[in-house]
N, C-alpha and C. Protein backbone atom coordinates (compact mmCIF):
# COMPACT_ATOMS: atom_id res chain seq x y z
N UNK A 1 99.09 118.80 102.96
CA UNK A 1 98.14 118.44 104.05
C UNK A 1 99.10 117.88 105.08
N UNK A 2 98.86 118.26 106.50
CA UNK A 2 99.71 117.75 107.57
C UNK A 2 99.63 116.19 107.75
N UNK A 3 100.64 115.69 108.40
CA UNK A 3 100.76 114.31 108.47
C UNK A 3 99.74 113.99 109.63
N UNK A 4 99.23 112.63 109.62
CA UNK A 4 98.44 112.09 110.77
C UNK A 4 99.12 111.82 111.96
N UNK A 5 98.48 112.04 113.03
CA UNK A 5 99.05 111.58 114.33
C UNK A 5 98.93 110.13 114.65
N UNK A 6 99.89 109.37 115.33
CA UNK A 6 99.79 108.09 115.71
C UNK A 6 98.70 108.00 116.62
N UNK A 7 97.91 106.87 116.38
CA UNK A 7 96.65 106.74 117.15
C UNK A 7 95.45 107.30 116.64
N UNK A 8 95.69 108.23 115.75
CA UNK A 8 94.47 108.93 115.08
C UNK A 8 93.51 107.96 114.34
N UNK A 9 92.31 108.17 114.38
CA UNK A 9 91.48 107.36 113.43
C UNK A 9 91.28 108.18 112.17
N UNK A 10 91.52 107.40 111.08
CA UNK A 10 91.41 107.73 109.61
C UNK A 10 90.43 106.89 108.97
N UNK A 11 89.85 107.40 108.02
CA UNK A 11 89.01 106.55 107.05
C UNK A 11 89.67 106.36 105.61
N UNK A 12 89.83 105.03 105.31
CA UNK A 12 90.16 104.67 103.98
C UNK A 12 88.93 104.42 103.03
N UNK A 13 88.81 105.22 102.05
CA UNK A 13 87.63 105.10 101.16
C UNK A 13 87.94 104.57 99.84
N UNK A 14 87.34 103.76 99.32
CA UNK A 14 87.35 103.46 97.86
C UNK A 14 86.34 104.26 97.18
N UNK A 15 86.82 105.13 96.33
CA UNK A 15 85.90 106.07 95.49
C UNK A 15 86.03 105.82 94.04
N UNK A 16 84.93 105.71 93.55
CA UNK A 16 84.82 105.26 91.92
C UNK A 16 85.09 106.70 91.16
N UNK A 17 85.25 106.48 89.90
CA UNK A 17 85.41 107.70 88.96
C UNK A 17 84.37 108.73 89.24
N UNK A 18 83.19 108.23 89.27
CA UNK A 18 82.15 109.40 89.34
C UNK A 18 82.09 110.13 90.81
N UNK A 19 83.00 109.73 91.63
CA UNK A 19 83.18 110.24 92.99
C UNK A 19 82.28 109.80 94.09
N UNK A 20 81.59 108.61 93.58
CA UNK A 20 80.91 107.98 94.71
C UNK A 20 81.70 107.02 95.59
N UNK A 21 81.35 106.79 96.75
CA UNK A 21 82.04 105.95 97.72
C UNK A 21 81.66 104.53 97.34
N UNK A 22 82.43 103.77 97.15
CA UNK A 22 82.32 102.16 97.09
C UNK A 22 82.62 101.24 98.39
N UNK A 23 83.44 102.02 99.25
CA UNK A 23 83.60 101.38 100.54
C UNK A 23 84.27 102.29 101.37
N UNK A 24 84.13 102.07 102.84
CA UNK A 24 84.74 102.97 103.83
C UNK A 24 85.23 101.96 104.91
N UNK A 25 86.47 102.29 105.39
CA UNK A 25 87.19 101.52 106.50
C UNK A 25 87.68 102.32 107.51
N UNK A 26 87.41 102.18 108.67
CA UNK A 26 88.04 103.01 109.85
C UNK A 26 89.39 102.22 110.24
N UNK A 27 90.41 103.16 110.47
CA UNK A 27 91.77 102.48 110.65
C UNK A 27 92.31 103.53 111.72
N UNK A 28 93.42 102.98 112.31
CA UNK A 28 94.16 103.88 113.23
C UNK A 28 95.59 104.03 112.80
N UNK A 29 96.16 105.32 112.84
CA UNK A 29 97.48 105.45 112.30
C UNK A 29 98.58 104.92 113.09
N UNK A 30 99.50 104.22 112.51
CA UNK A 30 100.69 103.74 113.45
C UNK A 30 101.65 104.60 113.33
N UNK A 31 101.93 105.10 111.95
CA UNK A 31 102.94 106.16 111.67
C UNK A 31 102.64 106.65 110.39
N UNK A 32 103.21 108.00 110.09
CA UNK A 32 102.89 108.73 108.91
C UNK A 32 104.04 109.52 108.70
N UNK A 33 105.03 109.20 107.62
CA UNK A 33 106.07 109.81 107.30
C UNK A 33 105.96 110.24 105.83
N UNK A 34 107.16 110.80 105.35
CA UNK A 34 107.20 111.18 103.98
C UNK A 34 107.29 109.77 103.09
N UNK A 35 107.79 108.78 103.70
CA UNK A 35 108.12 107.38 102.97
C UNK A 35 106.90 106.61 102.97
N UNK A 36 106.11 106.66 104.04
CA UNK A 36 104.86 105.74 103.93
C UNK A 36 103.90 106.09 104.95
N UNK A 37 102.67 105.65 104.81
CA UNK A 37 101.48 105.83 105.82
C UNK A 37 101.35 104.28 106.22
N UNK A 38 101.31 104.22 107.52
CA UNK A 38 101.17 102.76 108.05
C UNK A 38 99.90 103.07 109.10
N UNK A 39 98.84 102.19 108.89
CA UNK A 39 97.60 102.29 109.60
C UNK A 39 97.09 100.71 109.90
N UNK A 40 96.32 100.76 110.92
CA UNK A 40 96.01 99.32 111.41
C UNK A 40 94.54 99.23 111.84
N UNK A 41 94.10 97.95 112.11
CA UNK A 41 92.92 97.79 112.73
C UNK A 41 92.64 96.39 113.30
N UNK A 42 91.98 96.33 114.32
CA UNK A 42 91.65 94.88 114.83
C UNK A 42 90.08 94.46 114.52
N UNK A 43 89.98 93.16 114.69
CA UNK A 43 88.52 92.83 114.41
C UNK A 43 87.51 93.73 115.17
N UNK A 44 86.34 94.18 114.52
CA UNK A 44 85.28 94.91 115.10
C UNK A 44 85.61 96.48 114.68
N UNK A 45 86.59 96.68 113.84
CA UNK A 45 86.69 98.13 113.29
C UNK A 45 85.41 98.29 112.20
N UNK A 46 84.92 99.53 112.31
CA UNK A 46 83.81 99.62 111.41
C UNK A 46 84.02 99.98 110.10
N UNK A 47 83.22 99.39 109.28
CA UNK A 47 83.42 99.48 107.70
C UNK A 47 82.16 99.75 107.13
N UNK A 48 81.98 100.13 105.80
CA UNK A 48 80.83 100.17 104.86
C UNK A 48 81.15 99.47 103.73
N UNK A 49 80.64 98.42 103.26
CA UNK A 49 80.85 97.61 101.94
C UNK A 49 79.79 97.80 101.14
N UNK A 50 79.91 97.50 99.81
CA UNK A 50 78.82 97.28 99.03
C UNK A 50 78.02 96.18 99.50
N UNK A 51 76.56 96.26 99.53
CA UNK A 51 75.71 95.35 100.02
C UNK A 51 75.84 93.93 99.64
N UNK A 52 76.10 93.91 98.13
CA UNK A 52 76.23 92.52 97.66
C UNK A 52 77.54 91.88 98.05
N UNK A 53 78.68 92.65 98.40
CA UNK A 53 79.91 92.20 99.03
C UNK A 53 79.70 91.48 100.34
N UNK A 54 78.88 92.19 101.31
CA UNK A 54 78.29 91.83 102.52
C UNK A 54 77.49 90.30 102.33
N UNK A 55 76.63 90.33 101.37
CA UNK A 55 75.88 89.19 101.19
C UNK A 55 76.71 88.05 100.70
N UNK A 56 77.70 88.27 100.06
CA UNK A 56 78.74 87.23 99.39
C UNK A 56 79.35 86.54 100.58
N UNK A 57 79.85 87.50 101.74
CA UNK A 57 80.61 87.08 102.81
C UNK A 57 79.68 86.25 103.66
N UNK A 58 78.50 86.73 103.81
CA UNK A 58 77.50 86.14 104.80
C UNK A 58 77.07 84.71 104.30
N UNK A 59 76.83 84.72 102.76
CA UNK A 59 76.25 83.50 102.22
C UNK A 59 77.43 82.60 101.89
N UNK A 60 78.66 83.01 101.98
CA UNK A 60 79.89 82.09 101.46
C UNK A 60 79.64 81.73 99.92
N UNK A 61 79.04 82.74 99.17
CA UNK A 61 78.74 82.74 97.77
C UNK A 61 79.76 83.68 96.80
N UNK A 62 80.93 83.25 96.62
CA UNK A 62 81.76 84.31 95.95
C UNK A 62 81.16 84.86 94.55
N UNK A 63 80.26 84.10 93.93
CA UNK A 63 79.68 84.69 92.61
C UNK A 63 78.81 85.93 92.85
N UNK A 64 78.33 86.18 93.96
CA UNK A 64 77.61 87.22 94.16
C UNK A 64 78.53 88.65 94.06
N UNK A 65 79.92 88.42 94.31
CA UNK A 65 80.79 89.52 94.14
C UNK A 65 80.62 89.98 92.55
N UNK A 66 80.44 88.97 91.75
CA UNK A 66 80.34 89.43 90.21
C UNK A 66 79.23 90.21 90.14
N UNK A 67 78.11 89.98 90.74
CA UNK A 67 76.87 91.00 90.73
C UNK A 67 77.24 92.44 91.19
N UNK A 68 78.14 92.26 92.26
CA UNK A 68 78.62 93.67 92.86
C UNK A 68 79.21 94.46 91.83
N UNK A 69 80.10 93.81 91.07
CA UNK A 69 80.93 94.69 89.85
C UNK A 69 80.01 95.17 88.90
N UNK A 70 79.05 94.26 88.55
CA UNK A 70 77.94 94.63 87.54
C UNK A 70 77.30 95.78 88.05
N UNK A 71 76.98 96.03 89.37
CA UNK A 71 76.25 97.03 90.04
C UNK A 71 77.12 98.27 90.03
N UNK A 72 78.45 98.05 90.09
CA UNK A 72 79.46 99.20 90.05
C UNK A 72 79.51 99.69 88.66
N UNK A 73 79.51 98.96 87.81
CA UNK A 73 79.44 99.47 86.40
C UNK A 73 78.39 100.33 85.98
N UNK A 74 77.11 99.83 86.56
CA UNK A 74 75.91 100.47 86.12
C UNK A 74 75.60 101.72 87.19
N UNK A 75 76.31 101.93 88.24
CA UNK A 75 76.20 102.97 89.22
C UNK A 75 75.03 102.61 90.17
N UNK A 76 74.57 101.48 90.24
CA UNK A 76 73.30 101.04 91.09
C UNK A 76 73.81 100.38 92.40
N UNK A 77 74.74 100.56 92.90
CA UNK A 77 75.29 99.90 94.18
C UNK A 77 74.50 100.52 95.36
N UNK A 78 74.40 99.64 96.45
CA UNK A 78 74.22 100.28 97.85
C UNK A 78 75.33 99.82 98.81
N UNK A 79 75.31 100.64 100.01
CA UNK A 79 76.32 100.27 100.92
C UNK A 79 75.74 99.79 102.10
N UNK A 80 76.39 98.86 102.74
CA UNK A 80 75.83 98.25 104.03
C UNK A 80 76.72 98.26 105.38
N UNK A 81 76.33 98.59 106.36
CA UNK A 81 77.16 98.64 107.47
C UNK A 81 77.83 97.23 107.82
N UNK A 82 79.23 97.15 108.24
CA UNK A 82 79.71 95.81 108.42
C UNK A 82 80.93 96.16 109.54
N UNK A 83 81.65 95.17 109.90
CA UNK A 83 82.78 95.19 110.73
C UNK A 83 83.94 94.47 110.16
N UNK A 84 85.12 94.85 110.41
CA UNK A 84 86.24 93.98 109.97
C UNK A 84 86.31 92.63 110.90
N UNK A 85 86.45 91.50 110.23
CA UNK A 85 86.51 90.36 110.99
C UNK A 85 87.82 89.49 110.88
N UNK A 86 87.87 88.64 111.86
CA UNK A 86 88.94 87.48 112.10
C UNK A 86 90.29 87.81 112.18
N UNK A 87 90.80 89.09 111.62
CA UNK A 87 92.26 89.40 111.58
C UNK A 87 92.60 90.58 112.10
N UNK A 88 93.69 90.83 112.65
CA UNK A 88 94.29 92.21 112.86
C UNK A 88 94.79 92.52 111.41
N UNK A 89 94.86 93.82 111.13
CA UNK A 89 95.48 94.35 109.78
C UNK A 89 96.49 95.34 110.02
N UNK A 90 97.57 95.32 109.35
CA UNK A 90 98.56 96.25 109.38
C UNK A 90 98.69 96.72 107.79
N UNK A 91 98.62 97.86 107.42
CA UNK A 91 98.79 98.39 106.15
C UNK A 91 99.79 99.38 105.86
N UNK A 92 100.53 99.25 104.82
CA UNK A 92 101.53 100.25 104.49
C UNK A 92 101.26 100.77 103.17
N UNK A 93 101.43 102.17 102.84
CA UNK A 93 101.10 102.65 101.43
C UNK A 93 102.17 103.67 101.26
N UNK A 94 102.89 103.56 100.08
CA UNK A 94 103.68 104.82 99.87
C UNK A 94 102.98 105.91 99.01
N UNK A 95 103.45 107.22 99.04
CA UNK A 95 102.82 108.07 98.28
C UNK A 95 103.03 107.69 96.75
N UNK A 96 102.11 107.90 96.00
CA UNK A 96 101.97 107.57 94.58
C UNK A 96 102.06 106.24 94.05
N UNK A 97 102.09 105.10 95.04
CA UNK A 97 102.06 103.87 94.60
C UNK A 97 100.71 103.25 94.33
N UNK A 98 100.65 102.34 93.27
CA UNK A 98 99.59 101.71 92.82
C UNK A 98 99.42 100.43 93.48
N UNK A 99 99.74 100.28 94.73
CA UNK A 99 99.59 99.20 95.60
C UNK A 99 99.75 99.49 97.20
N UNK A 100 99.11 98.63 97.95
CA UNK A 100 99.56 98.98 99.31
C UNK A 100 100.03 97.42 99.74
N UNK A 101 100.86 97.38 100.87
CA UNK A 101 101.22 95.98 101.42
C UNK A 101 100.64 95.86 102.67
N UNK A 102 99.91 94.87 102.90
CA UNK A 102 99.09 94.57 104.21
C UNK A 102 99.56 93.41 104.78
N UNK A 103 99.48 93.09 105.98
CA UNK A 103 99.79 92.06 106.72
C UNK A 103 98.67 91.80 107.63
N UNK A 104 98.21 90.40 107.54
CA UNK A 104 96.92 89.92 108.45
C UNK A 104 97.58 88.98 109.53
N UNK A 105 96.98 89.29 110.73
CA UNK A 105 97.35 88.53 112.03
C UNK A 105 96.26 87.80 112.61
N UNK A 106 96.49 86.59 113.10
CA UNK A 106 95.65 85.92 113.98
C UNK A 106 96.11 85.74 115.28
N UNK A 107 95.55 84.96 116.14
CA UNK A 107 96.13 84.74 117.49
C UNK A 107 97.44 84.05 117.41
N UNK A 108 97.69 83.17 116.32
CA UNK A 108 98.87 82.58 116.21
C UNK A 108 100.02 83.32 115.46
N UNK A 109 99.75 84.66 115.18
CA UNK A 109 100.75 85.44 114.73
C UNK A 109 100.54 85.94 113.21
N UNK A 110 101.44 86.36 112.50
CA UNK A 110 101.11 86.79 111.20
C UNK A 110 100.81 85.65 110.30
N UNK A 111 99.68 85.73 109.62
CA UNK A 111 99.02 84.77 108.71
C UNK A 111 99.63 84.82 107.32
N UNK A 112 99.55 85.87 106.81
CA UNK A 112 100.10 85.98 105.59
C UNK A 112 100.16 87.68 105.28
N UNK A 113 101.15 87.90 104.17
CA UNK A 113 101.06 89.30 103.54
C UNK A 113 100.21 89.34 102.44
N UNK A 114 99.50 90.65 102.12
CA UNK A 114 98.81 90.65 100.87
C UNK A 114 98.88 92.01 100.32
N UNK A 115 99.39 91.84 99.01
CA UNK A 115 99.47 93.11 98.15
C UNK A 115 98.38 93.34 97.42
N UNK A 116 97.71 94.60 97.77
CA UNK A 116 96.57 95.16 97.11
C UNK A 116 96.69 96.06 96.25
N UNK A 117 96.30 95.73 95.08
CA UNK A 117 96.71 96.75 93.80
C UNK A 117 95.42 97.74 93.91
N UNK A 118 95.73 99.08 93.91
CA UNK A 118 94.68 100.15 93.91
C UNK A 118 95.28 101.48 93.52
N UNK A 119 94.37 102.23 93.38
CA UNK A 119 94.90 103.63 92.82
C UNK A 119 95.70 104.41 93.94
N UNK A 120 96.70 105.39 93.50
CA UNK A 120 97.39 106.12 94.44
C UNK A 120 96.45 106.92 95.43
N UNK A 121 96.81 106.96 96.61
CA UNK A 121 96.03 107.59 97.57
C UNK A 121 95.82 109.12 97.37
N UNK A 122 94.81 109.88 97.66
CA UNK A 122 94.68 111.08 97.74
C UNK A 122 94.12 111.47 99.22
N UNK A 123 94.87 112.23 99.80
CA UNK A 123 94.65 112.67 101.33
C UNK A 123 93.39 113.35 101.39
N UNK A 124 92.62 113.23 102.46
CA UNK A 124 91.35 113.90 102.74
C UNK A 124 91.35 114.37 104.04
N UNK A 125 90.42 115.19 104.62
CA UNK A 125 90.68 115.65 105.85
C UNK A 125 90.46 114.61 107.04
N UNK A 126 89.95 113.45 106.68
CA UNK A 126 89.58 112.60 107.70
C UNK A 126 90.32 111.09 107.32
N UNK A 127 91.13 111.26 106.31
CA UNK A 127 91.74 109.91 105.76
C UNK A 127 92.42 110.05 104.55
N UNK A 128 92.25 109.01 103.69
CA UNK A 128 92.62 108.94 102.30
C UNK A 128 91.67 108.05 101.35
N UNK A 129 91.58 108.66 100.11
CA UNK A 129 90.81 107.97 99.18
C UNK A 129 91.77 107.22 98.10
N UNK A 130 91.20 106.02 97.77
CA UNK A 130 91.79 105.24 96.69
C UNK A 130 90.71 104.41 96.02
N UNK A 131 90.99 103.49 95.33
CA UNK A 131 90.14 102.64 94.62
C UNK A 131 90.70 101.17 94.45
N UNK A 132 90.08 99.99 95.02
CA UNK A 132 90.68 98.81 94.82
C UNK A 132 90.57 98.37 93.30
N UNK A 133 91.64 97.89 92.68
CA UNK A 133 91.66 97.40 91.31
C UNK A 133 91.61 95.98 91.37
N UNK A 134 91.10 95.13 92.38
CA UNK A 134 90.67 93.89 92.06
C UNK A 134 91.72 92.77 92.31
N UNK A 135 92.78 92.93 91.60
CA UNK A 135 93.98 91.73 91.76
C UNK A 135 94.67 92.11 92.76
N UNK A 136 95.23 90.76 93.37
CA UNK A 136 96.01 90.94 94.48
C UNK A 136 97.11 89.95 94.45
N UNK A 137 98.08 90.10 95.49
CA UNK A 137 99.13 88.98 95.59
C UNK A 137 99.28 88.57 97.01
N UNK A 138 99.06 87.29 97.26
CA UNK A 138 99.07 86.67 98.51
C UNK A 138 100.53 86.15 98.70
N UNK A 139 101.07 86.51 99.86
CA UNK A 139 102.54 86.08 100.18
C UNK A 139 102.60 85.34 101.49
N UNK A 140 103.30 84.30 101.50
CA UNK A 140 103.66 83.53 102.60
C UNK A 140 104.15 84.23 103.75
N UNK A 141 103.89 84.01 104.99
CA UNK A 141 104.42 84.83 106.28
C UNK A 141 105.96 84.90 106.09
N UNK A 142 106.67 83.80 105.60
CA UNK A 142 108.08 83.84 105.63
C UNK A 142 108.73 84.48 104.37
N UNK A 143 107.77 84.82 103.42
CA UNK A 143 108.12 85.45 102.14
C UNK A 143 108.63 84.29 101.22
N UNK A 144 108.48 83.11 101.52
CA UNK A 144 109.06 81.91 100.71
C UNK A 144 108.25 81.82 99.45
N UNK A 145 106.99 82.08 99.55
CA UNK A 145 106.07 81.73 98.20
C UNK A 145 104.97 82.76 98.07
N UNK A 146 104.39 82.84 96.98
CA UNK A 146 103.41 83.82 96.61
C UNK A 146 102.58 83.28 95.54
N UNK A 147 101.23 83.76 95.59
CA UNK A 147 100.41 83.59 94.44
C UNK A 147 99.54 84.68 94.15
N UNK A 148 99.14 84.71 92.88
CA UNK A 148 98.21 85.78 92.54
C UNK A 148 96.74 85.37 92.87
N UNK A 149 95.70 86.43 93.22
CA UNK A 149 94.40 86.19 93.70
C UNK A 149 93.48 87.10 92.73
N UNK A 150 92.48 86.51 92.44
CA UNK A 150 91.20 87.28 91.84
C UNK A 150 91.53 87.81 90.38
N UNK A 151 92.37 86.90 89.72
CA UNK A 151 92.79 87.24 88.43
C UNK A 151 91.28 87.18 87.50
N UNK A 152 90.43 86.28 87.96
CA UNK A 152 89.26 86.11 87.18
C UNK A 152 88.46 87.35 87.27
N UNK A 153 88.39 87.97 88.47
CA UNK A 153 87.55 89.24 88.85
C UNK A 153 88.13 90.49 88.19
N UNK A 154 89.38 90.47 88.04
CA UNK A 154 90.17 91.46 87.38
C UNK A 154 89.94 91.62 85.84
N UNK A 155 89.72 90.22 85.25
CA UNK A 155 89.33 90.28 83.64
C UNK A 155 87.79 90.74 83.65
N UNK A 156 87.14 90.43 84.51
CA UNK A 156 85.62 90.65 84.48
C UNK A 156 85.55 92.23 84.58
N UNK A 157 86.20 92.99 85.57
CA UNK A 157 85.91 94.35 85.61
C UNK A 157 86.70 95.21 84.52
N UNK A 158 87.73 94.49 83.92
CA UNK A 158 88.21 95.08 82.57
C UNK A 158 87.29 95.02 81.48
N UNK A 159 86.55 93.99 81.32
CA UNK A 159 85.63 93.97 80.37
C UNK A 159 84.55 94.89 80.54
N UNK A 160 84.17 95.13 81.76
CA UNK A 160 83.11 96.13 82.27
C UNK A 160 83.39 97.49 82.14
N UNK A 161 84.84 97.72 81.77
CA UNK A 161 85.18 99.14 81.67
C UNK A 161 85.46 99.81 82.95
N UNK A 162 85.50 99.05 84.02
CA UNK A 162 85.61 99.75 85.45
C UNK A 162 87.23 100.02 85.55
N UNK A 163 87.96 99.38 85.00
CA UNK A 163 89.41 99.55 84.88
C UNK A 163 89.82 99.90 83.44
N UNK A 164 90.31 101.20 83.30
CA UNK A 164 90.79 101.77 81.97
C UNK A 164 92.05 101.14 81.51
N UNK A 165 92.26 101.42 80.32
CA UNK A 165 93.56 100.76 79.73
C UNK A 165 94.66 101.43 80.43
N UNK A 166 94.64 102.83 80.83
CA UNK A 166 95.68 103.41 81.40
C UNK A 166 95.96 102.70 82.83
N UNK A 167 94.85 102.55 83.48
CA UNK A 167 94.99 101.84 84.89
C UNK A 167 95.59 100.39 84.84
N UNK A 168 95.07 99.75 83.78
CA UNK A 168 95.65 98.45 83.43
C UNK A 168 97.27 98.52 83.31
N UNK A 169 97.65 99.40 82.45
CA UNK A 169 99.26 99.62 82.43
C UNK A 169 99.83 100.02 83.69
N UNK A 170 99.11 100.64 84.41
CA UNK A 170 99.71 101.04 85.73
C UNK A 170 99.80 99.93 86.77
N UNK A 171 98.67 99.00 86.64
CA UNK A 171 98.81 97.73 87.41
C UNK A 171 99.92 96.83 86.95
N UNK A 172 100.01 96.82 85.70
CA UNK A 172 101.00 95.70 85.18
C UNK A 172 102.36 96.23 85.64
N UNK A 173 102.68 97.62 85.57
CA UNK A 173 103.81 98.06 86.06
C UNK A 173 104.04 97.89 87.69
N UNK A 174 102.98 98.02 88.38
CA UNK A 174 103.01 97.91 89.91
C UNK A 174 103.15 96.34 90.23
N UNK A 175 102.74 95.50 89.56
CA UNK A 175 102.94 94.03 89.64
C UNK A 175 104.49 93.84 89.76
N UNK A 176 105.02 94.34 88.63
CA UNK A 176 106.74 94.25 88.61
C UNK A 176 107.37 94.74 89.92
N UNK A 177 106.86 96.09 90.20
CA UNK A 177 107.46 96.80 91.33
C UNK A 177 107.27 96.14 92.63
N UNK A 178 105.93 95.37 92.76
CA UNK A 178 105.79 94.60 94.06
C UNK A 178 106.62 93.40 94.05
N UNK A 179 106.77 92.61 93.03
CA UNK A 179 107.57 91.59 92.86
C UNK A 179 108.97 91.87 93.10
N UNK A 180 109.41 92.94 92.65
CA UNK A 180 110.86 93.35 92.92
C UNK A 180 111.06 93.57 94.31
N UNK A 181 110.18 94.30 94.96
CA UNK A 181 110.21 94.72 96.27
C UNK A 181 110.26 93.15 97.29
N UNK A 182 109.47 92.49 96.86
CA UNK A 182 109.57 91.10 97.51
C UNK A 182 111.05 90.41 97.32
N UNK A 183 111.36 90.31 96.08
CA UNK A 183 112.56 89.71 95.78
C UNK A 183 113.84 90.35 96.51
N UNK A 184 113.80 91.62 96.49
CA UNK A 184 114.86 92.48 96.95
C UNK A 184 114.80 92.68 98.60
N UNK A 185 113.65 92.24 99.02
CA UNK A 185 113.43 92.40 100.43
C UNK A 185 113.49 93.91 100.89
N UNK A 186 112.80 94.80 100.14
CA UNK A 186 112.79 96.18 100.24
C UNK A 186 111.43 96.56 100.82
N UNK A 187 111.29 97.96 101.01
CA UNK A 187 110.00 98.47 101.54
C UNK A 187 109.73 97.68 102.91
N UNK A 188 108.51 97.28 103.14
CA UNK A 188 108.15 96.77 104.35
C UNK A 188 108.87 95.38 104.51
N UNK A 189 109.09 94.77 103.39
CA UNK A 189 109.71 93.44 103.46
C UNK A 189 111.22 93.42 103.84
N UNK A 190 111.65 94.59 103.95
CA UNK A 190 113.18 94.70 104.60
C UNK A 190 113.04 94.61 106.12
N UNK A 191 111.90 95.06 106.64
CA UNK A 191 111.72 94.89 108.08
C UNK A 191 110.86 93.82 108.51
N UNK A 192 110.82 92.73 107.77
CA UNK A 192 109.88 91.65 107.98
C UNK A 192 109.80 91.09 109.32
N UNK A 193 111.00 90.88 109.93
CA UNK A 193 111.04 90.51 111.47
C UNK A 193 110.20 91.37 112.34
N UNK A 194 110.14 92.70 112.04
CA UNK A 194 109.49 93.69 113.01
C UNK A 194 107.95 93.49 112.61
N UNK A 195 107.73 93.40 111.35
CA UNK A 195 106.30 93.13 111.18
C UNK A 195 105.65 91.87 111.53
N UNK A 196 106.64 90.86 111.66
CA UNK A 196 106.14 89.66 112.10
C UNK A 196 105.75 89.65 113.70
N UNK A 197 106.43 90.42 114.52
CA UNK A 197 106.13 90.59 115.80
C UNK A 197 105.15 91.53 116.15
N UNK A 198 104.70 92.36 115.06
CA UNK A 198 103.67 93.43 115.53
C UNK A 198 102.45 92.82 115.83
N UNK A 199 101.68 93.49 116.79
CA UNK A 199 100.32 93.25 117.17
C UNK A 199 99.75 94.70 117.54
N UNK A 200 98.34 94.58 117.40
CA UNK A 200 97.65 95.61 117.71
C UNK A 200 97.84 96.11 119.26
N UNK A 201 97.81 97.49 119.29
CA UNK A 201 97.95 98.10 120.72
C UNK A 201 96.63 97.98 121.33
N UNK A 202 96.60 97.15 122.43
CA UNK A 202 95.29 96.76 123.15
C UNK A 202 94.65 98.08 123.79
N UNK A 203 95.55 99.24 123.90
CA UNK A 203 95.02 100.43 124.52
C UNK A 203 94.15 101.19 123.49
N UNK A 204 94.18 100.94 122.21
CA UNK A 204 93.38 101.45 121.29
C UNK A 204 92.20 100.70 121.16
N UNK A 205 91.05 101.46 121.32
CA UNK A 205 89.79 100.79 120.99
C UNK A 205 89.61 100.67 119.39
N UNK A 206 88.88 99.72 119.02
CA UNK A 206 88.66 99.69 117.61
C UNK A 206 88.17 100.74 117.05
N UNK A 207 88.61 101.19 115.87
CA UNK A 207 88.34 102.48 115.29
C UNK A 207 86.93 102.44 114.63
N UNK A 208 86.22 103.54 114.78
CA UNK A 208 84.87 103.85 114.42
C UNK A 208 84.90 104.72 113.25
N UNK A 209 83.86 104.68 112.34
CA UNK A 209 83.60 105.53 111.21
C UNK A 209 82.91 106.92 111.71
N UNK A 210 83.24 108.02 111.23
CA UNK A 210 82.71 109.31 111.63
C UNK A 210 81.08 109.16 111.33
N UNK A 211 80.49 109.66 112.42
CA UNK A 211 78.87 109.66 112.39
C UNK A 211 78.50 110.84 111.58
N UNK A 212 77.48 110.57 110.71
CA UNK A 212 77.12 111.68 109.59
C UNK A 212 76.39 112.62 110.64
N UNK A 213 76.26 113.86 109.95
CA UNK A 213 75.54 114.96 110.52
C UNK A 213 74.22 114.60 110.79
N UNK A 214 73.70 115.17 111.71
CA UNK A 214 72.30 114.85 112.17
C UNK A 214 71.25 115.15 110.85
N UNK A 215 70.64 114.07 110.46
CA UNK A 215 69.73 114.36 109.37
C UNK A 215 70.34 114.06 107.93
N UNK A 216 71.53 113.77 108.15
CA UNK A 216 72.53 113.65 106.72
C UNK A 216 72.72 112.02 106.83
N UNK A 217 73.38 111.64 105.56
CA UNK A 217 73.71 110.43 105.37
C UNK A 217 75.07 110.25 104.81
N UNK A 218 75.82 109.22 104.95
CA UNK A 218 76.90 108.80 104.35
C UNK A 218 76.75 107.94 103.20
N UNK A 219 77.55 108.06 102.21
CA UNK A 219 77.43 106.91 101.07
C UNK A 219 76.38 107.37 100.20
N UNK A 220 76.03 106.46 99.41
CA UNK A 220 74.89 106.69 98.38
C UNK A 220 74.29 105.31 98.10
N UNK A 221 73.17 105.36 97.49
CA UNK A 221 72.40 104.20 97.39
C UNK A 221 72.32 103.86 95.68
N UNK A 222 71.74 104.66 94.97
CA UNK A 222 71.67 104.43 93.56
C UNK A 222 71.95 105.65 92.71
N UNK A 223 72.11 105.54 91.47
CA UNK A 223 72.44 106.63 90.46
C UNK A 223 74.01 106.49 90.28
N UNK A 224 74.43 107.30 89.28
CA UNK A 224 75.93 107.25 88.85
C UNK A 224 76.32 108.66 88.90
């Protein structure tokens, strides 16, 4: 499949094993090479999240996310329209990698790095598919410190069977790879200064998700 063009709108989708969409996120391509795909968005970029995720964020109740995973396990989730909020996002993903490296920016600059563990990407006609595997690594902007995030949710989705034993082994290996990359200052961490100074191109409008065909629908509501 051909590389994406800089500035092109692409859709990052989380797709569960049964082929159903768990989330959609509109991004713009910064660069696309054989080494990595780099994409970004500002606040206002269109997304579609599980409705219970949106409720958890709106209500400030993290426990509702547990209900979302239960719905995922039973195949009874619904999607809700939303937008990316608060930060500018820069995403870096290598072919075949079980994680992406993300950077979040506010008006004050780089807020933090965020290593998101996820399935390797599969290119599509309008973007790429993956699946978030719940656990994350949050890294200080100066790379001096880091901490694991959502270990409790990771344990829960493992109990539900959402993450298979093979995927768990892949995540364990990916944890070591990400920490080695951080320690060695390789991958995007090798050019941390350039990432620190990056900001969203104001000439680019916030990306939007593709509109469904007339009379059609994107996503799915219930069933497995």
